[in-house]
ModelCIF file with pLDDT and N, C-alpha, C, O atoms, coordinates in Angstrom:
data_MODEL
#
_entry.id   MODEL 
#
_entity.id                         1 
_entity.type                       polymer 
_entity.pdbx_number_of_molecules   1 
#
_entity_poly.entity_id                      1 
_entity_poly.type                           'polypeptide(L)' 
_entity_poly.nstd_linkage                   no 
_entity_poly.nstd_monomer                   no 
_entity_poly.pdbx_seq_one_letter_code       
;(UNK)(UNK)(UNK)(UNK)(UNK)(UNK)(UNK)(UNK)(UNK)(UNK)(UNK)(UNK)(UNK)(UNK)(UNK)(UNK)
(UNK)(UNK)(UNK)(UNK)(UNK)(UNK)(UNK)(UNK)(UNK)(UNK)(UNK)(UNK)(UNK)(UNK)(UNK)(UNK)
(UNK)(UNK)(UNK)(UNK)(UNK)(UNK)(UNK)(UNK)(UNK)(UNK)(UNK)(UNK)(UNK)(UNK)(UNK)
;
_entity_poly.pdbx_seq_one_letter_code_can   XXXXXXXXXXXXXXXXXXXXXXXXXXXXXXXXXXXXXXXXXXXXXXX 
_entity_poly.pdbx_strand_id                 A 
#
loop_
_entity_poly_seq.entity_id 
_entity_poly_seq.num 
_entity_poly_seq.mon_id 
_entity_poly_seq.hetero 
1 1  UNK n 
1 2  UNK n 
1 3  UNK n 
1 4  UNK n 
1 5  UNK n 
1 6  UNK n 
1 7  UNK n 
1 8  UNK n 
1 9  UNK n 
1 10 UNK n 
1 11 UNK n 
1 12 UNK n 
1 13 UNK n 
1 14 UNK n 
1 15 UNK n 
1 16 UNK n 
1 17 UNK n 
1 18 UNK n 
1 19 UNK n 
1 20 UNK n 
1 21 UNK n 
1 22 UNK n 
1 23 UNK n 
1 24 UNK n 
1 25 UNK n 
1 26 UNK n 
1 27 UNK n 
1 28 UNK n 
1 29 UNK n 
1 30 UNK n 
1 31 UNK n 
1 32 UNK n 
1 33 UNK n 
1 34 UNK n 
1 35 UNK n 
1 36 UNK n 
1 37 UNK n 
1 38 UNK n 
1 39 UNK n 
1 40 UNK n 
1 41 UNK n 
1 42 UNK n 
1 43 UNK n 
1 44 UNK n 
1 45 UNK n 
1 46 UNK n 
1 47 UNK n 
#
_struct_asym.id          A 
_struct_asym.entity_id   1 
#
loop_
_ma_qa_metric.id 
_ma_qa_metric.mode 
_ma_qa_metric.name 
_ma_qa_metric.software_group_id 
_ma_qa_metric.type 
1 global pLDDT . pLDDT 
2 local  pLDDT . pLDDT 
#
_ma_qa_metric_global.metric_id      1 
_ma_qa_metric_global.metric_value   92.38 
_ma_qa_metric_global.model_id       1 
_ma_qa_metric_global.ordinal_id     1 
#
loop_
_ma_qa_metric_local.label_asym_id 
_ma_qa_metric_local.label_comp_id 
_ma_qa_metric_local.label_seq_id 
_ma_qa_metric_local.metric_id 
_ma_qa_metric_local.metric_value 
_ma_qa_metric_local.model_id 
_ma_qa_metric_local.ordinal_id 
A UNK 1  2 92.00 1 1  
A UNK 2  2 91.00 1 2  
A UNK 3  2 94.00 1 3  
A UNK 4  2 94.00 1 4  
A UNK 5  2 97.00 1 5  
A UNK 6  2 96.00 1 6  
A UNK 7  2 95.00 1 7  
A UNK 8  2 95.00 1 8  
A UNK 9  2 94.00 1 9  
A UNK 10 2 86.00 1 10 
A UNK 11 2 85.00 1 11 
A UNK 12 2 89.00 1 12 
A UNK 13 2 84.00 1 13 
A UNK 14 2 86.00 1 14 
A UNK 15 2 89.00 1 15 
A UNK 16 2 93.00 1 16 
A UNK 17 2 95.00 1 17 
A UNK 18 2 97.00 1 18 
A UNK 19 2 97.00 1 19 
A UNK 20 2 95.00 1 20 
A UNK 21 2 93.00 1 21 
A UNK 22 2 91.00 1 22 
A UNK 23 2 93.00 1 23 
A UNK 24 2 91.00 1 24 
A UNK 25 2 91.00 1 25 
A UNK 26 2 95.00 1 26 
A UNK 27 2 94.00 1 27 
A UNK 28 2 92.00 1 28 
A UNK 29 2 93.00 1 29 
A UNK 30 2 94.00 1 30 
A UNK 31 2 93.00 1 31 
A UNK 32 2 92.00 1 32 
A UNK 33 2 93.00 1 33 
A UNK 34 2 92.00 1 34 
A UNK 35 2 88.00 1 35 
A UNK 36 2 90.00 1 36 
A UNK 37 2 94.00 1 37 
A UNK 38 2 96.00 1 38 
A UNK 39 2 95.00 1 39 
A UNK 40 2 96.00 1 40 
A UNK 41 2 94.00 1 41 
A UNK 42 2 94.00 1 42 
A UNK 43 2 94.00 1 43 
A UNK 44 2 93.00 1 44 
A UNK 45 2 92.00 1 45 
A UNK 46 2 92.00 1 46 
A UNK 47 2 83.00 1 47 
#
loop_
_atom_site.group_PDB 
_atom_site.id 
_atom_site.type_symbol 
_atom_site.label_atom_id 
_atom_site.label_alt_id 
_atom_site.label_comp_id 
_atom_site.label_asym_id 
_atom_site.label_entity_id 
_atom_site.label_seq_id 
_atom_site.pdbx_PDB_ins_code 
_atom_site.Cartn_x 
_atom_site.Cartn_y 
_atom_site.Cartn_z 
_atom_site.occupancy 
_atom_site.B_iso_or_equiv 
_atom_site.pdbx_formal_charge 
_atom_site.auth_seq_id 
_atom_site.auth_comp_id 
_atom_site.auth_asym_id 
_atom_site.auth_atom_id 
_atom_site.pdbx_PDB_model_num 
ATOM 1   N N  . UNK A 1 1  ? 89.459 86.872 63.467 1.00 92.00 ? 1  UNK A N  1 
ATOM 2   C CA . UNK A 1 1  ? 89.246 86.960 64.931 1.00 92.00 ? 1  UNK A CA 1 
ATOM 3   C C  . UNK A 1 1  ? 88.057 87.668 65.360 1.00 92.00 ? 1  UNK A C  1 
ATOM 4   O O  . UNK A 1 1  ? 87.029 87.087 65.011 1.00 92.00 ? 1  UNK A O  1 
ATOM 5   N N  . UNK A 1 2  ? 87.884 88.676 65.969 1.00 91.00 ? 2  UNK A N  1 
ATOM 6   C CA . UNK A 1 2  ? 86.763 89.280 66.203 1.00 91.00 ? 2  UNK A CA 1 
ATOM 7   C C  . UNK A 1 2  ? 86.580 90.558 65.323 1.00 91.00 ? 2  UNK A C  1 
ATOM 8   O O  . UNK A 1 2  ? 85.618 91.316 65.438 1.00 91.00 ? 2  UNK A O  1 
ATOM 9   N N  . UNK A 1 3  ? 87.529 90.705 64.497 1.00 94.00 ? 3  UNK A N  1 
ATOM 10  C CA . UNK A 1 3  ? 87.138 91.924 63.436 1.00 94.00 ? 3  UNK A CA 1 
ATOM 11  C C  . UNK A 1 3  ? 88.265 93.023 63.523 1.00 94.00 ? 3  UNK A C  1 
ATOM 12  O O  . UNK A 1 3  ? 88.047 94.131 63.033 1.00 94.00 ? 3  UNK A O  1 
ATOM 13  N N  . UNK A 1 4  ? 89.220 92.797 64.013 1.00 94.00 ? 4  UNK A N  1 
ATOM 14  C CA . UNK A 1 4  ? 90.190 93.991 64.135 1.00 94.00 ? 4  UNK A CA 1 
ATOM 15  C C  . UNK A 1 4  ? 90.617 94.661 62.601 1.00 94.00 ? 4  UNK A C  1 
ATOM 16  O O  . UNK A 1 4  ? 90.687 95.873 62.399 1.00 94.00 ? 4  UNK A O  1 
ATOM 17  N N  . UNK A 1 5  ? 90.809 93.897 61.860 1.00 97.00 ? 5  UNK A N  1 
ATOM 18  C CA . UNK A 1 5  ? 90.968 94.296 60.464 1.00 97.00 ? 5  UNK A CA 1 
ATOM 19  C C  . UNK A 1 5  ? 89.737 94.497 59.597 1.00 97.00 ? 5  UNK A C  1 
ATOM 20  O O  . UNK A 1 5  ? 89.692 95.335 58.697 1.00 97.00 ? 5  UNK A O  1 
ATOM 21  N N  . UNK A 1 6  ? 88.547 93.522 59.981 1.00 96.00 ? 6  UNK A N  1 
ATOM 22  C CA . UNK A 1 6  ? 87.189 93.702 59.491 1.00 96.00 ? 6  UNK A CA 1 
ATOM 23  C C  . UNK A 1 6  ? 86.675 95.230 59.485 1.00 96.00 ? 6  UNK A C  1 
ATOM 24  O O  . UNK A 1 6  ? 86.039 95.745 58.565 1.00 96.00 ? 6  UNK A O  1 
ATOM 25  N N  . UNK A 1 7  ? 87.062 95.849 60.665 1.00 95.00 ? 7  UNK A N  1 
ATOM 26  C CA . UNK A 1 7  ? 86.477 97.217 60.867 1.00 95.00 ? 7  UNK A CA 1 
ATOM 27  C C  . UNK A 1 7  ? 87.022 98.136 59.887 1.00 95.00 ? 7  UNK A C  1 
ATOM 28  O O  . UNK A 1 7  ? 86.380 99.167 59.682 1.00 95.00 ? 7  UNK A O  1 
ATOM 29  N N  . UNK A 1 8  ? 88.252 97.910 59.157 1.00 95.00 ? 8  UNK A N  1 
ATOM 30  C CA . UNK A 1 8  ? 88.574 98.629 58.144 1.00 95.00 ? 8  UNK A CA 1 
ATOM 31  C C  . UNK A 1 8  ? 88.268 98.233 56.622 1.00 95.00 ? 8  UNK A C  1 
ATOM 32  O O  . UNK A 1 8  ? 88.717 98.823 55.639 1.00 95.00 ? 8  UNK A O  1 
ATOM 33  N N  . UNK A 1 9  ? 87.442 97.152 56.617 1.00 94.00 ? 9  UNK A N  1 
ATOM 34  C CA . UNK A 1 9  ? 87.025 96.692 55.366 1.00 94.00 ? 9  UNK A CA 1 
ATOM 35  C C  . UNK A 1 9  ? 85.676 96.852 55.017 1.00 94.00 ? 9  UNK A C  1 
ATOM 36  O O  . UNK A 1 9  ? 85.193 96.345 54.004 1.00 94.00 ? 9  UNK A O  1 
ATOM 37  N N  . UNK A 1 10 ? 84.923 97.677 55.976 1.00 86.00 ? 10 UNK A N  1 
ATOM 38  C CA . UNK A 1 10 ? 83.583 97.744 55.786 1.00 86.00 ? 10 UNK A CA 1 
ATOM 39  C C  . UNK A 1 10 ? 82.965 98.410 54.580 1.00 86.00 ? 10 UNK A C  1 
ATOM 40  O O  . UNK A 1 10 ? 81.795 98.289 54.216 1.00 86.00 ? 10 UNK A O  1 
ATOM 41  N N  . UNK A 1 11 ? 84.007 99.202 53.955 1.00 85.00 ? 11 UNK A N  1 
ATOM 42  C CA . UNK A 1 11 ? 83.563 99.830 52.697 1.00 85.00 ? 11 UNK A CA 1 
ATOM 43  C C  . UNK A 1 11 ? 84.117 99.207 51.354 1.00 85.00 ? 11 UNK A C  1 
ATOM 44  O O  . UNK A 1 11 ? 84.136 99.825 50.289 1.00 85.00 ? 11 UNK A O  1 
ATOM 45  N N  . UNK A 1 12 ? 84.548 97.961 51.519 1.00 89.00 ? 12 UNK A N  1 
ATOM 46  C CA . UNK A 1 12 ? 85.062 97.237 50.448 1.00 89.00 ? 12 UNK A CA 1 
ATOM 47  C C  . UNK A 1 12 ? 84.124 97.273 49.276 1.00 89.00 ? 12 UNK A C  1 
ATOM 48  O O  . UNK A 1 12 ? 83.033 96.723 49.425 1.00 89.00 ? 12 UNK A O  1 
ATOM 49  N N  . UNK A 1 13 ? 84.419 97.878 48.071 1.00 84.00 ? 13 UNK A N  1 
ATOM 50  C CA . UNK A 1 13 ? 83.542 97.848 46.874 1.00 84.00 ? 13 UNK A CA 1 
ATOM 51  C C  . UNK A 1 13 ? 83.027 96.665 46.104 1.00 84.00 ? 13 UNK A C  1 
ATOM 52  O O  . UNK A 1 13 ? 82.091 96.663 45.305 1.00 84.00 ? 13 UNK A O  1 
ATOM 53  N N  . UNK A 1 14 ? 83.800 95.640 46.478 1.00 86.00 ? 14 UNK A N  1 
ATOM 54  C CA . UNK A 1 14 ? 83.202 94.233 45.895 1.00 86.00 ? 14 UNK A CA 1 
ATOM 55  C C  . UNK A 1 14 ? 82.644 93.224 47.007 1.00 86.00 ? 14 UNK A C  1 
ATOM 56  O O  . UNK A 1 14 ? 82.168 93.636 48.065 1.00 86.00 ? 14 UNK A O  1 
ATOM 57  N N  . UNK A 1 15 ? 82.737 91.966 46.700 1.00 89.00 ? 15 UNK A N  1 
ATOM 58  C CA . UNK A 1 15 ? 82.473 90.922 47.580 1.00 89.00 ? 15 UNK A CA 1 
ATOM 59  C C  . UNK A 1 15 ? 83.489 90.661 48.500 1.00 89.00 ? 15 UNK A C  1 
ATOM 60  O O  . UNK A 1 15 ? 84.659 90.481 48.164 1.00 89.00 ? 15 UNK A O  1 
ATOM 61  N N  . UNK A 1 16 ? 83.051 90.633 49.732 1.00 93.00 ? 16 UNK A N  1 
ATOM 62  C CA . UNK A 1 16 ? 84.103 90.360 50.788 1.00 93.00 ? 16 UNK A CA 1 
ATOM 63  C C  . UNK A 1 16 ? 83.445 89.264 51.918 1.00 93.00 ? 16 UNK A C  1 
ATOM 64  O O  . UNK A 1 16 ? 82.412 89.485 52.550 1.00 93.00 ? 16 UNK A O  1 
ATOM 65  N N  . UNK A 1 17 ? 84.096 88.299 52.004 1.00 95.00 ? 17 UNK A N  1 
ATOM 66  C CA . UNK A 1 17 ? 83.822 87.237 53.017 1.00 95.00 ? 17 UNK A CA 1 
ATOM 67  C C  . UNK A 1 17 ? 84.994 87.431 54.063 1.00 95.00 ? 17 UNK A C  1 
ATOM 68  O O  . UNK A 1 17 ? 86.139 87.800 53.803 1.00 95.00 ? 17 UNK A O  1 
ATOM 69  N N  . UNK A 1 18 ? 84.421 87.073 55.417 1.00 97.00 ? 18 UNK A N  1 
ATOM 70  C CA . UNK A 1 18 ? 85.403 87.155 56.632 1.00 97.00 ? 18 UNK A CA 1 
ATOM 71  C C  . UNK A 1 18 ? 85.237 86.006 57.365 1.00 97.00 ? 18 UNK A C  1 
ATOM 72  O O  . UNK A 1 18 ? 84.157 85.604 57.798 1.00 97.00 ? 18 UNK A O  1 
ATOM 73  N N  . UNK A 1 19 ? 86.470 85.393 57.525 1.00 97.00 ? 19 UNK A N  1 
ATOM 74  C CA . UNK A 1 19 ? 86.673 83.862 58.046 1.00 97.00 ? 19 UNK A CA 1 
ATOM 75  C C  . UNK A 1 19 ? 87.545 83.949 59.184 1.00 97.00 ? 19 UNK A C  1 
ATOM 76  O O  . UNK A 1 19 ? 88.396 84.801 59.439 1.00 97.00 ? 19 UNK A O  1 
ATOM 77  N N  . UNK A 1 20 ? 87.101 82.657 59.999 1.00 95.00 ? 20 UNK A N  1 
ATOM 78  C CA . UNK A 1 20 ? 88.107 82.544 61.087 1.00 95.00 ? 20 UNK A CA 1 
ATOM 79  C C  . UNK A 1 20 ? 87.757 81.022 61.580 1.00 95.00 ? 20 UNK A C  1 
ATOM 80  O O  . UNK A 1 20 ? 86.609 80.580 61.547 1.00 95.00 ? 20 UNK A O  1 
ATOM 81  N N  . UNK A 1 21 ? 88.730 80.378 61.979 1.00 93.00 ? 21 UNK A N  1 
ATOM 82  C CA . UNK A 1 21 ? 88.558 78.762 62.125 1.00 93.00 ? 21 UNK A CA 1 
ATOM 83  C C  . UNK A 1 21 ? 87.710 78.707 63.524 1.00 93.00 ? 21 UNK A C  1 
ATOM 84  O O  . UNK A 1 21 ? 87.091 77.667 63.748 1.00 93.00 ? 21 UNK A O  1 
ATOM 85  N N  . UNK A 1 22 ? 87.663 79.558 64.283 1.00 91.00 ? 22 UNK A N  1 
ATOM 86  C CA . UNK A 1 22 ? 87.156 79.429 65.722 1.00 91.00 ? 22 UNK A CA 1 
ATOM 87  C C  . UNK A 1 22 ? 85.776 79.918 65.715 1.00 91.00 ? 22 UNK A C  1 
ATOM 88  O O  . UNK A 1 22 ? 85.587 81.106 65.451 1.00 91.00 ? 22 UNK A O  1 
ATOM 89  N N  . UNK A 1 23 ? 84.702 79.077 65.997 1.00 93.00 ? 23 UNK A N  1 
ATOM 90  C CA . UNK A 1 23 ? 83.264 79.299 65.745 1.00 93.00 ? 23 UNK A CA 1 
ATOM 91  C C  . UNK A 1 23 ? 82.923 80.387 66.850 1.00 93.00 ? 23 UNK A C  1 
ATOM 92  O O  . UNK A 1 23 ? 82.023 81.170 66.545 1.00 93.00 ? 23 UNK A O  1 
ATOM 93  N N  . UNK A 1 24 ? 83.484 80.533 68.014 1.00 91.00 ? 24 UNK A N  1 
ATOM 94  C CA . UNK A 1 24 ? 83.337 81.484 68.852 1.00 91.00 ? 24 UNK A CA 1 
ATOM 95  C C  . UNK A 1 24 ? 83.832 82.862 68.545 1.00 91.00 ? 24 UNK A C  1 
ATOM 96  O O  . UNK A 1 24 ? 83.254 83.862 68.970 1.00 91.00 ? 24 UNK A O  1 
ATOM 97  N N  . UNK A 1 25 ? 84.926 82.904 67.790 1.00 91.00 ? 25 UNK A N  1 
ATOM 98  C CA . UNK A 1 25 ? 85.414 84.151 67.427 1.00 91.00 ? 25 UNK A CA 1 
ATOM 99  C C  . UNK A 1 25 ? 84.398 84.653 66.302 1.00 91.00 ? 25 UNK A C  1 
ATOM 100 O O  . UNK A 1 25 ? 83.963 85.805 66.276 1.00 91.00 ? 25 UNK A O  1 
ATOM 101 N N  . UNK A 1 26 ? 84.058 83.637 65.351 1.00 95.00 ? 26 UNK A N  1 
ATOM 102 C CA . UNK A 1 26 ? 83.016 84.149 64.201 1.00 95.00 ? 26 UNK A CA 1 
ATOM 103 C C  . UNK A 1 26 ? 81.971 84.737 64.873 1.00 95.00 ? 26 UNK A C  1 
ATOM 104 O O  . UNK A 1 26 ? 81.524 85.787 64.413 1.00 95.00 ? 26 UNK A O  1 
ATOM 105 N N  . UNK A 1 27 ? 81.354 84.133 66.158 1.00 94.00 ? 27 UNK A N  1 
ATOM 106 C CA . UNK A 1 27 ? 80.010 84.459 66.570 1.00 94.00 ? 27 UNK A CA 1 
ATOM 107 C C  . UNK A 1 27 ? 80.198 85.960 67.030 1.00 94.00 ? 27 UNK A C  1 
ATOM 108 O O  . UNK A 1 27 ? 79.321 86.775 66.743 1.00 94.00 ? 27 UNK A O  1 
ATOM 109 N N  . UNK A 1 28 ? 81.286 86.331 67.714 1.00 92.00 ? 28 UNK A N  1 
ATOM 110 C CA . UNK A 1 28 ? 81.713 87.575 68.195 1.00 92.00 ? 28 UNK A CA 1 
ATOM 111 C C  . UNK A 1 28 ? 81.838 88.700 67.326 1.00 92.00 ? 28 UNK A C  1 
ATOM 112 O O  . UNK A 1 28 ? 81.556 89.883 67.521 1.00 92.00 ? 28 UNK A O  1 
ATOM 113 N N  . UNK A 1 29 ? 82.373 88.043 66.208 1.00 93.00 ? 29 UNK A N  1 
ATOM 114 C CA . UNK A 1 29 ? 82.698 89.203 65.124 1.00 93.00 ? 29 UNK A CA 1 
ATOM 115 C C  . UNK A 1 29 ? 81.137 89.335 64.391 1.00 93.00 ? 29 UNK A C  1 
ATOM 116 O O  . UNK A 1 29 ? 80.697 90.474 64.235 1.00 93.00 ? 29 UNK A O  1 
ATOM 117 N N  . UNK A 1 30 ? 80.421 88.317 64.006 1.00 94.00 ? 30 UNK A N  1 
ATOM 118 C CA . UNK A 1 30 ? 79.103 88.691 63.721 1.00 94.00 ? 30 UNK A CA 1 
ATOM 119 C C  . UNK A 1 30 ? 78.168 89.487 64.266 1.00 94.00 ? 30 UNK A C  1 
ATOM 120 O O  . UNK A 1 30 ? 77.286 90.067 63.634 1.00 94.00 ? 30 UNK A O  1 
ATOM 121 N N  . UNK A 1 31 ? 78.414 89.543 65.897 1.00 93.00 ? 31 UNK A N  1 
ATOM 122 C CA . UNK A 1 31 ? 77.858 90.479 66.772 1.00 93.00 ? 31 UNK A CA 1 
ATOM 123 C C  . UNK A 1 31 ? 78.239 91.781 66.458 1.00 93.00 ? 31 UNK A C  1 
ATOM 124 O O  . UNK A 1 31 ? 77.388 92.665 66.356 1.00 93.00 ? 31 UNK A O  1 
ATOM 125 N N  . UNK A 1 32 ? 79.668 92.040 66.258 1.00 92.00 ? 32 UNK A N  1 
ATOM 126 C CA . UNK A 1 32 ? 80.427 93.164 66.160 1.00 92.00 ? 32 UNK A CA 1 
ATOM 127 C C  . UNK A 1 32 ? 80.062 94.002 64.749 1.00 92.00 ? 32 UNK A C  1 
ATOM 128 O O  . UNK A 1 32 ? 79.847 95.211 64.658 1.00 92.00 ? 32 UNK A O  1 
ATOM 129 N N  . UNK A 1 33 ? 80.055 92.957 63.631 1.00 93.00 ? 33 UNK A N  1 
ATOM 130 C CA . UNK A 1 33 ? 79.759 93.591 62.589 1.00 93.00 ? 33 UNK A CA 1 
ATOM 131 C C  . UNK A 1 33 ? 78.624 92.601 61.724 1.00 93.00 ? 33 UNK A C  1 
ATOM 132 O O  . UNK A 1 33 ? 78.907 91.715 60.916 1.00 93.00 ? 33 UNK A O  1 
ATOM 133 N N  . UNK A 1 34 ? 77.807 92.867 61.986 1.00 92.00 ? 34 UNK A N  1 
ATOM 134 C CA . UNK A 1 34 ? 76.638 91.976 61.425 1.00 92.00 ? 34 UNK A CA 1 
ATOM 135 C C  . UNK A 1 34 ? 76.453 92.130 59.865 1.00 92.00 ? 34 UNK A C  1 
ATOM 136 O O  . UNK A 1 34 ? 75.812 91.255 59.283 1.00 92.00 ? 34 UNK A O  1 
ATOM 137 N N  . UNK A 1 35 ? 76.904 93.043 59.252 1.00 88.00 ? 35 UNK A N  1 
ATOM 138 C CA . UNK A 1 35 ? 76.655 93.041 57.758 1.00 88.00 ? 35 UNK A CA 1 
ATOM 139 C C  . UNK A 1 35 ? 77.605 92.255 57.244 1.00 88.00 ? 35 UNK A C  1 
ATOM 140 O O  . UNK A 1 35 ? 77.271 91.844 56.133 1.00 88.00 ? 35 UNK A O  1 
ATOM 141 N N  . UNK A 1 36 ? 78.838 91.810 57.658 1.00 90.00 ? 36 UNK A N  1 
ATOM 142 C CA . UNK A 1 36 ? 79.813 91.202 57.111 1.00 90.00 ? 36 UNK A CA 1 
ATOM 143 C C  . UNK A 1 36 ? 79.243 89.660 56.749 1.00 90.00 ? 36 UNK A C  1 
ATOM 144 O O  . UNK A 1 36 ? 78.272 89.114 57.272 1.00 90.00 ? 36 UNK A O  1 
ATOM 145 N N  . UNK A 1 37 ? 80.066 89.149 55.771 1.00 94.00 ? 37 UNK A N  1 
ATOM 146 C CA . UNK A 1 37 ? 79.585 87.604 55.479 1.00 94.00 ? 37 UNK A CA 1 
ATOM 147 C C  . UNK A 1 37 ? 80.765 86.667 56.164 1.00 94.00 ? 37 UNK A C  1 
ATOM 148 O O  . UNK A 1 37 ? 81.811 86.208 55.706 1.00 94.00 ? 37 UNK A O  1 
ATOM 149 N N  . UNK A 1 38 ? 80.135 86.587 57.464 1.00 96.00 ? 38 UNK A N  1 
ATOM 150 C CA . UNK A 1 38 ? 81.046 85.737 58.289 1.00 96.00 ? 38 UNK A CA 1 
ATOM 151 C C  . UNK A 1 38 ? 80.907 84.216 58.105 1.00 96.00 ? 38 UNK A C  1 
ATOM 152 O O  . UNK A 1 38 ? 79.759 83.772 58.108 1.00 96.00 ? 38 UNK A O  1 
ATOM 153 N N  . UNK A 1 39 ? 82.042 83.271 57.930 1.00 95.00 ? 39 UNK A N  1 
ATOM 154 C CA . UNK A 1 39 ? 82.039 82.013 57.822 1.00 95.00 ? 39 UNK A CA 1 
ATOM 155 C C  . UNK A 1 39 ? 83.064 81.520 58.664 1.00 95.00 ? 39 UNK A C  1 
ATOM 156 O O  . UNK A 1 39 ? 84.132 82.106 58.838 1.00 95.00 ? 39 UNK A O  1 
ATOM 157 N N  . UNK A 1 40 ? 82.653 80.136 59.341 1.00 96.00 ? 40 UNK A N  1 
ATOM 158 C CA . UNK A 1 40 ? 83.879 79.341 60.080 1.00 96.00 ? 40 UNK A CA 1 
ATOM 159 C C  . UNK A 1 40 ? 84.517 78.463 59.152 1.00 96.00 ? 40 UNK A C  1 
ATOM 160 O O  . UNK A 1 40 ? 84.005 77.416 58.754 1.00 96.00 ? 40 UNK A O  1 
ATOM 161 N N  . UNK A 1 41 ? 85.704 78.918 58.787 1.00 94.00 ? 41 UNK A N  1 
ATOM 162 C CA . UNK A 1 41 ? 86.607 78.329 57.843 1.00 94.00 ? 41 UNK A CA 1 
ATOM 163 C C  . UNK A 1 41 ? 88.047 78.352 58.039 1.00 94.00 ? 41 UNK A C  1 
ATOM 164 O O  . UNK A 1 41 ? 88.524 79.479 58.173 1.00 94.00 ? 41 UNK A O  1 
ATOM 165 N N  . UNK A 1 42 ? 88.855 77.361 58.088 1.00 94.00 ? 42 UNK A N  1 
ATOM 166 C CA . UNK A 1 42 ? 90.244 77.170 58.161 1.00 94.00 ? 42 UNK A CA 1 
ATOM 167 C C  . UNK A 1 42 ? 91.007 77.937 56.871 1.00 94.00 ? 42 UNK A C  1 
ATOM 168 O O  . UNK A 1 42 ? 90.540 78.047 55.737 1.00 94.00 ? 42 UNK A O  1 
ATOM 169 N N  . UNK A 1 43 ? 92.191 78.394 57.303 1.00 94.00 ? 43 UNK A N  1 
ATOM 170 C CA . UNK A 1 43 ? 92.803 79.317 56.403 1.00 94.00 ? 43 UNK A CA 1 
ATOM 171 C C  . UNK A 1 43 ? 93.344 78.608 55.192 1.00 94.00 ? 43 UNK A C  1 
ATOM 172 O O  . UNK A 1 43 ? 93.747 79.255 54.226 1.00 94.00 ? 43 UNK A O  1 
ATOM 173 N N  . UNK A 1 44 ? 93.365 77.067 55.225 1.00 93.00 ? 44 UNK A N  1 
ATOM 174 C CA . UNK A 1 44 ? 93.517 76.281 54.056 1.00 93.00 ? 44 UNK A CA 1 
ATOM 175 C C  . UNK A 1 44 ? 92.612 75.701 53.148 1.00 93.00 ? 44 UNK A C  1 
ATOM 176 O O  . UNK A 1 44 ? 92.894 75.006 52.172 1.00 93.00 ? 44 UNK A O  1 
ATOM 177 N N  . UNK A 1 45 ? 91.070 76.179 53.706 1.00 92.00 ? 45 UNK A N  1 
ATOM 178 C CA . UNK A 1 45 ? 89.943 75.860 53.049 1.00 92.00 ? 45 UNK A CA 1 
ATOM 179 C C  . UNK A 1 45 ? 89.289 76.931 52.132 1.00 92.00 ? 45 UNK A C  1 
ATOM 180 O O  . UNK A 1 45 ? 88.140 76.806 51.709 1.00 92.00 ? 45 UNK A O  1 
ATOM 181 N N  . UNK A 1 46 ? 90.097 78.000 51.848 1.00 92.00 ? 46 UNK A N  1 
ATOM 182 C CA . UNK A 1 46 ? 89.283 79.085 51.278 1.00 92.00 ? 46 UNK A CA 1 
ATOM 183 C C  . UNK A 1 46 ? 89.236 79.014 49.870 1.00 92.00 ? 46 UNK A C  1 
ATOM 184 O O  . UNK A 1 46 ? 88.533 79.771 49.200 1.00 92.00 ? 46 UNK A O  1 
ATOM 185 N N  . UNK A 1 47 ? 90.173 77.867 49.250 1.00 83.00 ? 47 UNK A N  1 
ATOM 186 C CA . UNK A 1 47 ? 89.809 77.788 47.735 1.00 83.00 ? 47 UNK A CA 1 
ATOM 187 C C  . UNK A 1 47 ? 88.541 77.405 47.245 1.00 83.00 ? 47 UNK A C  1 
ATOM 188 O O  . UNK A 1 47 ? 88.333 77.368 46.033 1.00 83.00 ? 47 UNK A O  1 
#
């Protein structure tokens, strides 16, 4: 979504990718949490 859980993952010590299927949600998430690695991606395409 726009980062409700992302807000609690900001100090993840390894590699973290943040995804959502909605391009507009990802755009809003990037605005709120610009340091995260945001990608438009369906839940079935993460492999």
